[in-house]
């Protein structure tokens, strides 16, 4: 009989720029801390996008739009990854 591997405590975050995971989520961190991490990033990206939506860029460069999009994508990817851990923890059967 083969024993199942224990669940990993540190889960790699999604990354595009690296071949090796360098950012990890502690899936045993308190839910409040995980929530605070998600809230901080989500609020930051929403405020950033709101600022950009209210800004007039008559002579914007294509690079500016790419930068805004990339910053938003990275922050939202972090939010999604941490939400996945919160959801997994939230749906676990009580011990």
N, C-alpha and C. Protein backbone atom coordinates (compact mmCIF):
# COMPACT_ATOMS: atom_id res chain seq x y z
N UNK A 1 0.85 -1.19 0.00
CA UNK A 1 0.00 0.00 0.00
C UNK A 1 0.89 1.24 0.00
N UNK A 2 0.56 2.17 -0.84
CA UNK A 2 1.32 3.41 -0.92
C UNK A 2 0.58 4.48 -0.13
N UNK A 3 1.29 5.09 0.81
CA UNK A 3 0.69 6.16 1.60
C UNK A 3 0.58 7.42 0.74
N UNK A 4 -0.49 8.14 0.94
CA UNK A 4 -0.67 9.42 0.23
C UNK A 4 0.32 10.43 0.78
N UNK A 5 0.81 11.26 -0.10
CA UNK A 5 1.73 12.30 0.33
C UNK A 5 0.98 13.32 1.18
N UNK A 6 1.63 13.83 2.22
CA UNK A 6 0.96 14.87 3.02
C UNK A 6 0.78 16.14 2.18
N UNK A 7 -0.26 16.91 2.49
CA UNK A 7 -0.45 18.14 1.72
C UNK A 7 0.73 19.08 1.92
N UNK A 8 1.07 19.79 0.85
CA UNK A 8 2.18 20.73 0.93
C UNK A 8 1.74 21.97 1.68
N UNK A 9 2.60 22.44 2.57
CA UNK A 9 2.27 23.65 3.33
C UNK A 9 2.44 24.89 2.47
N UNK A 10 3.46 24.93 1.65
CA UNK A 10 3.73 26.11 0.83
C UNK A 10 3.38 25.81 -0.62
N UNK A 11 2.45 26.59 -1.14
CA UNK A 11 1.95 26.38 -2.50
C UNK A 11 2.54 27.47 -3.39
N UNK A 12 3.14 27.10 -4.52
CA UNK A 12 3.71 28.13 -5.40
C UNK A 12 2.62 29.03 -5.99
N UNK A 13 2.94 30.31 -6.06
CA UNK A 13 2.04 31.24 -6.74
C UNK A 13 2.28 31.12 -8.24
N UNK A 14 1.31 31.53 -9.00
CA UNK A 14 1.45 31.52 -10.46
C UNK A 14 2.54 32.51 -10.86
N UNK A 15 3.32 32.10 -11.82
CA UNK A 15 4.35 33.01 -12.33
C UNK A 15 4.51 32.78 -13.83
N UNK A 16 4.82 33.85 -14.50
CA UNK A 16 5.05 33.78 -15.94
C UNK A 16 6.52 34.03 -16.24
N UNK A 17 7.14 34.89 -15.44
CA UNK A 17 8.49 35.35 -15.75
C UNK A 17 9.59 34.39 -15.31
N UNK A 18 9.24 33.36 -14.52
CA UNK A 18 10.28 32.46 -14.03
C UNK A 18 9.90 31.01 -14.31
N UNK A 19 10.91 30.17 -14.38
CA UNK A 19 10.68 28.74 -14.56
C UNK A 19 10.58 28.01 -13.22
N UNK A 20 11.03 28.66 -12.18
CA UNK A 20 11.06 28.06 -10.85
C UNK A 20 10.20 28.91 -9.92
N UNK A 21 9.31 28.31 -9.14
CA UNK A 21 8.46 29.12 -8.27
C UNK A 21 9.26 29.78 -7.16
N UNK A 22 9.21 31.09 -7.09
CA UNK A 22 9.95 31.83 -6.07
C UNK A 22 9.03 32.45 -5.03
N UNK A 23 7.76 32.62 -5.35
CA UNK A 23 6.80 33.15 -4.40
C UNK A 23 5.87 32.02 -3.98
N UNK A 24 5.71 31.87 -2.67
CA UNK A 24 4.92 30.76 -2.13
C UNK A 24 3.86 31.29 -1.19
N UNK A 25 2.74 30.57 -1.11
CA UNK A 25 1.67 30.89 -0.18
C UNK A 25 1.69 29.85 0.93
N UNK A 26 1.68 30.31 2.17
CA UNK A 26 1.61 29.41 3.32
C UNK A 26 0.15 29.03 3.50
N UNK A 27 -0.21 27.80 3.14
CA UNK A 27 -1.62 27.42 3.20
C UNK A 27 -2.09 27.14 4.62
N UNK A 28 -1.18 27.27 5.60
CA UNK A 28 -1.56 27.13 7.00
C UNK A 28 -1.59 28.49 7.72
N UNK A 29 -1.37 29.55 6.98
CA UNK A 29 -1.44 30.89 7.58
C UNK A 29 -2.87 31.13 8.06
N UNK A 30 -3.04 31.94 9.09
CA UNK A 30 -4.40 32.24 9.55
C UNK A 30 -5.25 32.83 8.41
N UNK A 31 -6.50 32.43 8.37
CA UNK A 31 -7.39 32.92 7.31
C UNK A 31 -7.47 34.44 7.30
N UNK A 32 -7.42 35.06 8.46
CA UNK A 32 -7.47 36.52 8.52
C UNK A 32 -6.27 37.12 7.78
N UNK A 33 -5.10 36.53 7.93
CA UNK A 33 -3.90 37.03 7.25
C UNK A 33 -3.99 36.83 5.74
N UNK A 34 -4.49 35.68 5.33
CA UNK A 34 -4.68 35.43 3.90
C UNK A 34 -5.69 36.44 3.32
N UNK A 35 -6.77 36.67 4.05
CA UNK A 35 -7.77 37.64 3.62
C UNK A 35 -7.17 39.04 3.53
N UNK A 36 -6.38 39.43 4.51
CA UNK A 36 -5.75 40.75 4.49
C UNK A 36 -4.84 40.91 3.27
N UNK A 37 -4.13 39.85 2.92
CA UNK A 37 -3.25 39.88 1.75
C UNK A 37 -4.07 40.11 0.48
N UNK A 38 -5.17 39.38 0.35
CA UNK A 38 -6.04 39.51 -0.82
C UNK A 38 -6.67 40.90 -0.86
N UNK A 39 -7.17 41.36 0.28
CA UNK A 39 -7.84 42.66 0.33
C UNK A 39 -6.88 43.79 -0.06
N UNK A 40 -5.65 43.72 0.42
CA UNK A 40 -4.67 44.76 0.10
C UNK A 40 -4.41 44.83 -1.40
N UNK A 41 -4.21 43.70 -2.03
CA UNK A 41 -3.92 43.68 -3.46
C UNK A 41 -5.15 44.08 -4.29
N UNK A 42 -6.31 43.57 -3.91
CA UNK A 42 -7.51 43.88 -4.66
C UNK A 42 -7.85 45.37 -4.55
N UNK A 43 -7.75 45.93 -3.36
CA UNK A 43 -8.00 47.36 -3.20
C UNK A 43 -6.98 48.20 -3.97
N UNK A 44 -5.73 47.78 -3.96
CA UNK A 44 -4.70 48.52 -4.69
C UNK A 44 -4.98 48.53 -6.19
N UNK A 45 -5.31 47.38 -6.75
CA UNK A 45 -5.55 47.33 -8.20
C UNK A 45 -6.83 48.09 -8.56
N UNK A 46 -7.85 48.03 -7.71
CA UNK A 46 -9.07 48.78 -8.00
C UNK A 46 -8.83 50.29 -7.95
N UNK A 47 -8.09 50.75 -6.96
CA UNK A 47 -7.77 52.18 -6.88
C UNK A 47 -6.90 52.61 -8.07
N UNK A 48 -5.97 51.75 -8.45
CA UNK A 48 -5.08 52.05 -9.57
C UNK A 48 -5.88 52.16 -10.87
N UNK A 49 -6.76 51.19 -11.10
CA UNK A 49 -7.56 51.22 -12.32
C UNK A 49 -8.54 52.39 -12.32
N UNK A 50 -9.07 52.73 -11.14
CA UNK A 50 -9.96 53.89 -11.05
C UNK A 50 -9.19 55.17 -11.39
N UNK A 51 -7.98 55.29 -10.88
CA UNK A 51 -7.14 56.44 -11.20
C UNK A 51 -6.88 56.52 -12.70
N UNK A 52 -6.55 55.39 -13.30
CA UNK A 52 -6.26 55.38 -14.73
C UNK A 52 -7.50 55.71 -15.55
N UNK A 53 -8.68 55.26 -15.08
CA UNK A 53 -9.92 55.53 -15.81
C UNK A 53 -10.28 57.01 -15.77
N UNK A 54 -9.85 57.70 -14.73
CA UNK A 54 -10.16 59.13 -14.57
C UNK A 54 -9.07 60.03 -15.13
N UNK A 55 -8.02 59.43 -15.64
CA UNK A 55 -6.89 60.20 -16.14
C UNK A 55 -7.01 60.37 -17.64
N UNK A 56 -6.71 61.55 -18.11
CA UNK A 56 -6.70 61.80 -19.55
C UNK A 56 -5.26 61.66 -20.03
N UNK A 57 -5.08 60.78 -20.96
CA UNK A 57 -3.74 60.56 -21.52
C UNK A 57 -3.79 60.85 -23.03
N UNK A 58 -3.83 62.12 -23.40
CA UNK A 58 -3.97 62.43 -24.82
C UNK A 58 -2.77 61.98 -25.66
N UNK A 59 -1.61 61.96 -25.05
CA UNK A 59 -0.44 61.55 -25.81
C UNK A 59 0.23 60.35 -25.14
N UNK A 60 -0.61 59.37 -24.80
CA UNK A 60 -0.11 58.17 -24.14
C UNK A 60 0.73 57.34 -25.11
N UNK A 61 1.61 56.60 -24.54
CA UNK A 61 2.39 55.67 -25.33
C UNK A 61 1.79 54.27 -25.17
N UNK A 62 1.95 53.45 -26.15
CA UNK A 62 1.46 52.08 -26.06
C UNK A 62 2.07 51.38 -24.86
N UNK A 63 3.30 51.72 -24.55
CA UNK A 63 3.99 51.12 -23.41
C UNK A 63 3.27 51.43 -22.10
N UNK A 64 2.67 52.63 -21.99
CA UNK A 64 1.95 53.00 -20.77
C UNK A 64 0.77 52.07 -20.53
N UNK A 65 0.01 51.80 -21.56
CA UNK A 65 -1.15 50.91 -21.43
C UNK A 65 -0.68 49.50 -21.10
N UNK A 66 0.40 49.04 -21.71
CA UNK A 66 0.93 47.73 -21.40
C UNK A 66 1.37 47.64 -19.94
N UNK A 67 1.97 48.70 -19.43
CA UNK A 67 2.41 48.73 -18.04
C UNK A 67 1.22 48.65 -17.09
N UNK A 68 0.20 49.45 -17.34
CA UNK A 68 -1.00 49.42 -16.51
C UNK A 68 -1.63 48.03 -16.52
N UNK A 69 -1.74 47.45 -17.69
CA UNK A 69 -2.33 46.13 -17.82
C UNK A 69 -1.51 45.08 -17.09
N UNK A 70 -0.20 45.14 -17.22
CA UNK A 70 0.65 44.15 -16.59
C UNK A 70 0.62 44.25 -15.06
N UNK A 71 0.65 45.46 -14.53
CA UNK A 71 0.56 45.65 -13.08
C UNK A 71 -0.76 45.08 -12.57
N UNK A 72 -1.84 45.37 -13.25
CA UNK A 72 -3.15 44.86 -12.85
C UNK A 72 -3.20 43.34 -12.92
N UNK A 73 -2.64 42.78 -13.98
CA UNK A 73 -2.64 41.33 -14.14
C UNK A 73 -1.89 40.64 -13.01
N UNK A 74 -0.72 41.17 -12.66
CA UNK A 74 0.10 40.57 -11.60
C UNK A 74 -0.65 40.60 -10.27
N UNK A 75 -1.21 41.76 -9.94
CA UNK A 75 -1.93 41.87 -8.67
C UNK A 75 -3.17 40.97 -8.63
N UNK A 76 -3.91 40.92 -9.72
CA UNK A 76 -5.10 40.07 -9.76
C UNK A 76 -4.73 38.58 -9.76
N UNK A 77 -3.60 38.23 -10.34
CA UNK A 77 -3.14 36.84 -10.29
C UNK A 77 -2.82 36.45 -8.85
N UNK A 78 -2.17 37.35 -8.11
CA UNK A 78 -1.90 37.11 -6.69
C UNK A 78 -3.20 36.89 -5.93
N UNK A 79 -4.18 37.75 -6.19
CA UNK A 79 -5.48 37.63 -5.52
C UNK A 79 -6.10 36.27 -5.81
N UNK A 80 -6.09 35.87 -7.07
CA UNK A 80 -6.68 34.58 -7.44
C UNK A 80 -5.99 33.43 -6.74
N UNK A 81 -4.65 33.46 -6.68
CA UNK A 81 -3.90 32.37 -6.05
C UNK A 81 -4.21 32.27 -4.56
N UNK A 82 -4.26 33.41 -3.87
CA UNK A 82 -4.54 33.38 -2.43
C UNK A 82 -5.99 33.00 -2.19
N UNK A 83 -6.92 33.48 -3.03
CA UNK A 83 -8.32 33.08 -2.90
C UNK A 83 -8.46 31.56 -3.03
N UNK A 84 -7.69 30.94 -3.90
CA UNK A 84 -7.75 29.49 -4.06
C UNK A 84 -7.40 28.78 -2.76
N UNK A 85 -6.40 29.30 -2.03
CA UNK A 85 -6.03 28.71 -0.75
C UNK A 85 -7.14 28.94 0.27
N UNK A 86 -7.70 30.15 0.30
CA UNK A 86 -8.79 30.44 1.23
C UNK A 86 -9.99 29.53 0.95
N UNK A 87 -10.33 29.36 -0.31
CA UNK A 87 -11.46 28.49 -0.67
C UNK A 87 -11.20 27.06 -0.26
N UNK A 88 -10.00 26.58 -0.51
CA UNK A 88 -9.65 25.21 -0.14
C UNK A 88 -9.81 25.03 1.37
N UNK A 89 -9.30 25.98 2.14
CA UNK A 89 -9.40 25.91 3.59
C UNK A 89 -10.85 26.02 4.04
N UNK A 90 -11.62 26.88 3.39
CA UNK A 90 -13.00 27.12 3.79
C UNK A 90 -13.91 25.95 3.53
N UNK A 91 -13.58 25.13 2.54
CA UNK A 91 -14.43 24.01 2.18
C UNK A 91 -13.96 22.69 2.77
N UNK A 92 -12.88 22.71 3.55
CA UNK A 92 -12.41 21.49 4.19
C UNK A 92 -13.43 21.04 5.23
N UNK A 93 -13.50 19.74 5.42
CA UNK A 93 -14.36 19.21 6.47
C UNK A 93 -13.75 19.52 7.83
N UNK A 94 -14.57 19.88 8.82
CA UNK A 94 -14.04 20.16 10.15
C UNK A 94 -13.35 18.93 10.72
N UNK A 95 -12.26 19.18 11.45
CA UNK A 95 -11.49 18.06 12.02
C UNK A 95 -12.01 17.67 13.37
